[in-house]
C-alpha atoms as a PDB file:
ATOM      1  CA  MET A   1      37.380   6.534 -23.181  1.00  0.00           C
ATOM      2  CA  LYS A   2      34.336   8.667 -24.028  1.00  0.00           C
ATOM      3  CA  ILE A   3      32.233   5.624 -25.006  1.00  0.00           C
ATOM      4  CA  SER A   4      33.020   3.837 -21.741  1.00  0.00           C
ATOM      5  CA  ASN A   5      31.957   6.923 -19.769  1.00  0.00           C
ATOM      6  CA  GLU A   6      28.691   7.010 -21.700  1.00  0.00           C
ATOM      7  CA  ILE A   7      28.077   3.322 -21.000  1.00  0.00           C
ATOM      8  CA  ILE A   8      28.784   3.827 -17.302  1.00  0.00           C
ATOM      9  CA  ALA A   9      26.482   6.860 -17.231  1.00  0.00           C
ATOM     10  CA  GLY A  10      23.751   4.853 -18.990  1.00  0.00           C
ATOM     11  CA  VAL A  11      24.058   2.016 -16.473  1.00  0.00           C
ATOM     12  CA  VAL A  12      23.938   4.480 -13.571  1.00  0.00           C
ATOM     13  CA  VAL A  13      20.832   6.177 -15.009  1.00  0.00           C
ATOM     14  CA  VAL A  14      19.064   2.827 -15.493  1.00  0.00           C
ATOM     15  CA  ALA A  15      19.978   1.778 -11.936  1.00  0.00           C
ATOM     16  CA  ALA A  16      18.745   5.104 -10.572  1.00  0.00           C
ATOM     17  CA  LEU A  17      15.464   4.766 -12.461  1.00  0.00           C
ATOM     18  CA  THR A  18      15.058   1.227 -11.131  1.00  0.00           C
ATOM     19  CA  TYR A  19      15.488   2.375  -7.548  1.00  0.00           C
ATOM     20  CA  ALA A  20      13.340   5.452  -8.158  1.00  0.00           C
ATOM     21  CA  SER A  21      10.422   3.392  -9.481  1.00  0.00           C
ATOM     22  CA  THR A  22       8.716   3.772  -6.104  1.00  0.00           C
ATOM     23  CA  VAL A  23       8.468   7.476  -6.956  1.00  0.00           C
ATOM     24  CA  PHE A  24       7.985   7.344 -10.729  1.00  0.00           C
ATOM     25  CA  ALA A  25       5.318   4.613 -10.881  1.00  0.00           C
ATOM     26  CA  PRO A  26       2.761   6.531  -8.743  1.00  0.00           C
ATOM     27  CA  LEU A  27       3.718   9.696 -10.614  1.00  0.00           C
ATOM     28  CA  ALA A  28       2.985   8.005 -13.931  1.00  0.00           C
ATOM     29  CA  LEU A  29      -0.395   6.856 -12.627  1.00  0.00           C
ATOM     30  CA  ALA A  30      -1.218  10.359 -11.383  1.00  0.00           C
ATOM     31  CA  LEU A  31      -0.202  11.871 -14.727  1.00  0.00           C
ATOM     32  CA  PHE A  32      -2.523   9.371 -16.412  1.00  0.00           C
ATOM     33  CA  VAL A  33      -5.465  10.071 -14.072  1.00  0.00           C
ATOM     34  CA  ILE A  34      -5.184  13.886 -14.070  1.00  0.00           C
ATOM     35  CA  PRO A  35      -6.539  14.319 -17.633  1.00  0.00           C
ATOM     36  CA  LEU A  36      -9.335  11.878 -16.834  1.00  0.00           C
ATOM     37  CA  VAL A  37     -10.597  13.730 -13.758  1.00  0.00           C
ATOM     38  CA  TRP A  38      -9.691  17.283 -14.791  1.00  0.00           C
ATOM     39  CA  PRO A  39     -13.004  17.957 -16.598  1.00  0.00           C
ATOM     40  CA  MET A  40     -14.912  17.176 -13.403  1.00  0.00           C
ATOM     41  CA  GLN A  41     -12.495  19.307 -11.366  1.00  0.00           C
ATOM     42  CA  TYR A  42     -12.827  22.198 -13.821  1.00  0.00           C
ATOM     43  CA  TRP A  43     -16.636  21.980 -13.837  1.00  0.00           C
ATOM     44  CA  LEU A  44     -16.797  21.864 -10.039  1.00  0.00           C
ATOM     45  CA  GLN A  45     -14.357  24.694  -9.416  1.00  0.00           C
ATOM     46  CA  ALA A  46     -16.373  26.951 -11.725  1.00  0.00           C
ATOM     47  CA  ARG A  47     -19.305  26.497  -9.318  1.00  0.00           C
ATOM     48  CA  MET A  48     -17.638  26.343  -5.893  1.00  0.00           C
ATOM     49  CA  PRO A  49     -14.359  27.143  -4.122  1.00  0.00           C
ATOM     50  CA  ARG A  50     -11.298  25.505  -5.623  1.00  0.00           C
ATOM     51  CA  LEU A  51     -10.307  23.425  -2.575  1.00  0.00           C
ATOM     52  CA  LEU A  52     -13.829  22.100  -2.107  1.00  0.00           C
ATOM     53  CA  ALA A  53     -13.913  21.104  -5.779  1.00  0.00           C
ATOM     54  CA  LEU A  54     -10.539  19.402  -5.326  1.00  0.00           C
ATOM     55  CA  ALA A  55     -11.785  17.526  -2.269  1.00  0.00           C
ATOM     56  CA  ILE A  56     -14.906  16.321  -4.110  1.00  0.00           C
ATOM     57  CA  THR A  57     -12.824  15.276  -7.121  1.00  0.00           C
ATOM     58  CA  LEU A  58     -10.341  13.367  -4.955  1.00  0.00           C
ATOM     59  CA  VAL A  59     -13.066  11.647  -2.945  1.00  0.00           C
ATOM     60  CA  GLY A  60     -14.847  10.658  -6.154  1.00  0.00           C
ATOM     61  CA  THR A  61     -11.645   9.340  -7.709  1.00  0.00           C
ATOM     62  CA  LEU A  62     -10.748   7.397  -4.581  1.00  0.00           C
ATOM     63  CA  ALA A  63     -14.296   6.018  -4.383  1.00  0.00           C
ATOM     64  CA  ILE A  64     -13.975   4.702  -7.928  1.00  0.00           C
ATOM     65  CA  GLY A  65     -10.596   3.155  -7.017  1.00  0.00           C
ATOM     66  CA  VAL A  66     -12.112   1.520  -3.935  1.00  0.00           C
ATOM     67  CA  ALA A  67     -15.003   0.222  -6.047  1.00  0.00           C
ATOM     68  CA  PHE A  68     -12.582  -1.447  -8.468  1.00  0.00           C
ATOM     69  CA  ALA A  69     -10.556  -2.867  -5.569  1.00  0.00           C
ATOM     70  CA  SER A  70     -13.790  -4.188  -4.064  1.00  0.00           C
ATOM     71  CA  LEU A  71     -14.589  -5.923  -7.350  1.00  0.00           C
ATOM     72  CA  VAL A  72     -11.188  -7.606  -7.299  1.00  0.00           C
ATOM     73  CA  VAL A  73     -11.637  -8.707  -3.674  1.00  0.00           C
ATOM     74  CA  TRP A  74     -15.144  -9.936  -4.466  1.00  0.00           C
ATOM     75  CA  GLY A  75     -13.830 -11.956  -7.424  1.00  0.00           C
ATOM     76  CA  PHE A  76     -11.091 -13.569  -5.359  1.00  0.00           C
ATOM     77  CA  GLY A  77     -13.640 -14.249  -2.619  1.00  0.00           C
ATOM     78  CA  ARG A  78     -15.840 -16.074  -5.111  1.00  0.00           C
ATOM     79  CA  VAL A  79     -12.907 -18.178  -6.263  1.00  0.00           C
ATOM     80  CA  VAL A  80     -11.920 -19.047  -2.688  1.00  0.00           C
ATOM     81  CA  ARG A  81     -15.530 -19.823  -1.789  1.00  0.00           C
ATOM     82  CA  SER A  82     -15.864 -22.197  -4.735  1.00  0.00           C
ATOM     83  CA  LEU A  83     -12.579 -23.866  -3.785  1.00  0.00           C
ATOM     84  CA  VAL A  84     -13.780 -24.343  -0.209  1.00  0.00           C
ATOM     85  CA  MET A  85     -17.157 -25.688  -1.339  1.00  0.00           C
ATOM     86  CA  ASP A  86     -15.457 -28.223  -3.623  1.00  0.00           C
ATOM     87  CA  ALA A  87     -12.767 -29.161  -1.094  1.00  0.00           C
ATOM     88  CA  ALA A  88     -14.179 -32.652  -0.558  1.00  0.00           C
ATOM     89  CA  ARG A  89     -14.100 -33.331  -4.300  1.00  0.00           C
ATOM     90  CA  TYR A  90     -10.530 -32.039  -4.559  1.00  0.00           C
ATOM     91  CA  GLN A  91      -9.530 -34.172  -1.578  1.00  0.00           C
ATOM     92  CA  ALA A  92     -11.008 -37.261  -3.246  1.00  0.00           C
ATOM     93  CA  MET A  93      -9.174 -36.446  -6.487  1.00  0.00           C
ATOM     94  CA  TYR A  94      -5.927 -35.967  -4.560  1.00  0.00           C
ATOM     95  CA  GLU A  95      -6.343 -39.267  -2.748  1.00  0.00           C
ATOM     96  CA  SER A  96      -7.019 -41.123  -5.993  1.00  0.00           C
ATOM     97  CA  VAL A  97      -3.938 -39.571  -7.639  1.00  0.00           C
ATOM     98  CA  VAL A  98      -1.781 -40.441  -4.605  1.00  0.00           C
ATOM     99  CA  ALA A  99      -3.104 -44.013  -4.613  1.00  0.00           C
ATOM    100  CA  TRP A 100      -2.407 -44.338  -8.352  1.00  0.00           C
ATOM    101  CA  LEU A 101       1.119 -42.923  -7.945  1.00  0.00           C
ATOM    102  CA  ASP A 102       1.802 -45.197  -4.946  1.00  0.00           C
ATOM    103  CA  GLY A 103       0.632 -48.149  -7.066  1.00  0.00           C
ATOM    104  CA  HIS A 104       3.256 -47.199  -9.652  1.00  0.00           C
ATOM    105  CA  GLY A 105       6.072 -46.759  -7.116  1.00  0.00           C
ATOM    106  CA  VAL A 106       6.038 -42.955  -6.794  1.00  0.00           C
ATOM    107  CA  SER A 107       5.669 -41.604  -3.272  1.00  0.00           C
ATOM    108  CA  ILE A 108       4.742 -37.940  -2.954  1.00  0.00           C
ATOM    109  CA  THR A 109       3.822 -37.939   0.727  1.00  0.00           C
ATOM    110  CA  GLY A 110       7.339 -36.933   1.805  1.00  0.00           C
ATOM    111  CA  LEU A 111       7.533 -34.272  -0.901  1.00  0.00           C
ATOM    112  CA  TRP A 112       4.156 -32.870   0.177  1.00  0.00           C
ATOM    113  CA  ALA A 113       5.179 -32.740   3.839  1.00  0.00           C
ATOM    114  CA  GLU A 114       8.534 -31.185   2.922  1.00  0.00           C
ATOM    115  CA  HIS A 115       7.104 -28.249   0.980  1.00  0.00           C
ATOM    116  CA  PHE A 116       3.738 -27.532   2.588  1.00  0.00           C
ATOM    117  CA  ASN A 117       4.279 -26.839   6.257  1.00  0.00           C
ATOM    118  CA  VAL A 118       3.732 -24.030   8.752  1.00  0.00           C
ATOM    119  CA  GLY A 119       6.791 -22.131   7.529  1.00  0.00           C
ATOM    120  CA  TRP A 120       5.397 -22.156   3.999  1.00  0.00           C
ATOM    121  CA  PHE A 121       2.081 -20.720   5.195  1.00  0.00           C
ATOM    122  CA  VAL A 122       3.902 -18.042   7.234  1.00  0.00           C
ATOM    123  CA  ARG A 123       5.959 -17.041   4.161  1.00  0.00           C
ATOM    124  CA  ILE A 124       2.835 -16.851   2.009  1.00  0.00           C
ATOM    125  CA  THR A 125       1.081 -14.736   4.653  1.00  0.00           C
ATOM    126  CA  GLN A 126       4.063 -12.401   4.872  1.00  0.00           C
ATOM    127  CA  LEU A 127       4.180 -12.127   1.085  1.00  0.00           C
ATOM    128  CA  VAL A 128       0.479 -11.271   0.845  1.00  0.00           C
ATOM    129  CA  THR A 129       0.558  -8.700   3.641  1.00  0.00           C
ATOM    130  CA  GLY A 130       3.711  -7.162   2.151  1.00  0.00           C
ATOM    131  CA  ARG A 131       1.997  -6.853  -1.237  1.00  0.00           C
ATOM    132  CA  VAL A 132      -1.075  -5.266   0.351  1.00  0.00           C
ATOM    133  CA  ASN A 133       1.152  -2.804   2.216  1.00  0.00           C
ATOM    134  CA  THR A 134       3.035  -1.945  -0.982  1.00  0.00           C
ATOM    135  CA  THR A 135      -0.215  -1.473  -2.896  1.00  0.00           C
ATOM    136  CA  LEU A 136      -1.690   0.816  -0.253  1.00  0.00           C
ATOM    137  CA  SER A 137       1.519   2.867  -0.133  1.00  0.00           C
ATOM    138  CA  PHE A 138       1.477   3.117  -3.925  1.00  0.00           C
ATOM    139  CA  TRP A 139      -2.106   4.414  -3.949  1.00  0.00           C
ATOM    140  CA  LEU A 140      -1.404   6.868  -1.132  1.00  0.00           C
ATOM    141  CA  ILE A 141       1.582   8.359  -2.979  1.00  0.00           C
ATOM    142  CA  ALA A 142      -0.360   8.418  -6.263  1.00  0.00           C
ATOM    143  CA  SER A 143      -3.237  10.224  -4.514  1.00  0.00           C
ATOM    144  CA  VAL A 144      -0.858  12.884  -3.191  1.00  0.00           C
ATOM    145  CA  TYR A 145       0.601  13.358  -6.684  1.00  0.00           C
ATOM    146  CA  LEU A 146      -2.933  13.532  -8.092  1.00  0.00           C
ATOM    147  CA  MET A 147      -3.909  16.217  -5.589  1.00  0.00           C
ATOM    148  CA  LEU A 148      -0.789  18.270  -6.303  1.00  0.00           C
ATOM    149  CA  GLY A 149      -1.224  17.859 -10.038  1.00  0.00           C
ATOM    150  CA  LEU A 150      -4.860  18.962  -9.978  1.00  0.00           C
ATOM    151  CA  LEU A 151      -3.861  22.035  -7.990  1.00  0.00           C
ATOM    152  CA  GLU A 152      -1.273  22.968 -10.628  1.00  0.00           C
ATOM    153  CA  VAL A 153      -3.246  22.397 -13.851  1.00  0.00           C
ATOM    154  CA  ASP A 154      -4.602  25.949 -13.994  1.00  0.00           C
ATOM    155  CA  GLU A 155      -1.184  27.526 -13.431  1.00  0.00           C
ATOM    156  CA  VAL A 156       0.487  25.318 -16.038  1.00  0.00           C
ATOM    157  CA  ARG A 157      -2.253  26.034 -18.573  1.00  0.00           C
ATOM    158  CA  HIS A 158      -2.090  29.775 -17.831  1.00  0.00           C
ATOM    159  CA  LYS A 159       1.687  29.854 -18.287  1.00  0.00           C
ATOM    160  CA  LYS A 160       1.580  27.764 -21.441  1.00  0.00           C
ATOM    161  CA  CYS A 161      -1.302  29.629 -23.078  1.00  0.00           C
ATOM    162  CA  SER A 162      -0.366  33.181 -22.119  1.00  0.00           C
ATOM    163  CA  PRO A 163       0.131  35.538 -25.108  1.00  0.00           C
ATOM    164  CA  SER A 164       3.750  36.252 -24.184  1.00  0.00           C
ATOM    165  CA  GLY A 165       4.554  32.541 -24.008  1.00  0.00           C
ATOM    166  CA  PRO A 166       6.010  30.713 -21.054  1.00  0.00           C
ATOM    167  CA  GLN A 167       7.549  33.104 -18.558  1.00  0.00           C
ATOM    168  CA  ARG A 168      10.384  32.360 -16.221  1.00  0.00           C
ATOM    169  CA  ASP A 169      10.384  33.368 -12.606  1.00  0.00           C
ATOM    170  CA  LEU A 170      13.661  35.085 -11.744  1.00  0.00           C
END
């Protein structure tokens, strides 16, 4: 009986973690980024007010994130541009393959029309916009966690490194 309860508890914990991934994934990213940007935050807050240093650190971190996202968009843009520029060549290759297949008794025209239609393009568009929305939500939540984490680093370090050890608030 005890083993079955442990198995059920394990399954429930795994299911809960799966559903909570929308919270834990941005948290994991923020916990990864905090040690990377903390030296800049520490250096800035030694020279200016803490909230101004936090704002500069967050803007700098977000600017770097936007720069990387811009590189990804630029790369995909280059790929799409090259595909568009070579569209005539791809069309000629497609026509030659279709002619060869038709010569051997294989017709793909019906298959092509069946799978690539307006509904397919609408589904792809919805998928892409959904992914963009999810990505932006992820980065927004991660940025909030990053801000809260950077605000708490001093307090955590002070509590951990105090001579009397960690103290509990009663």
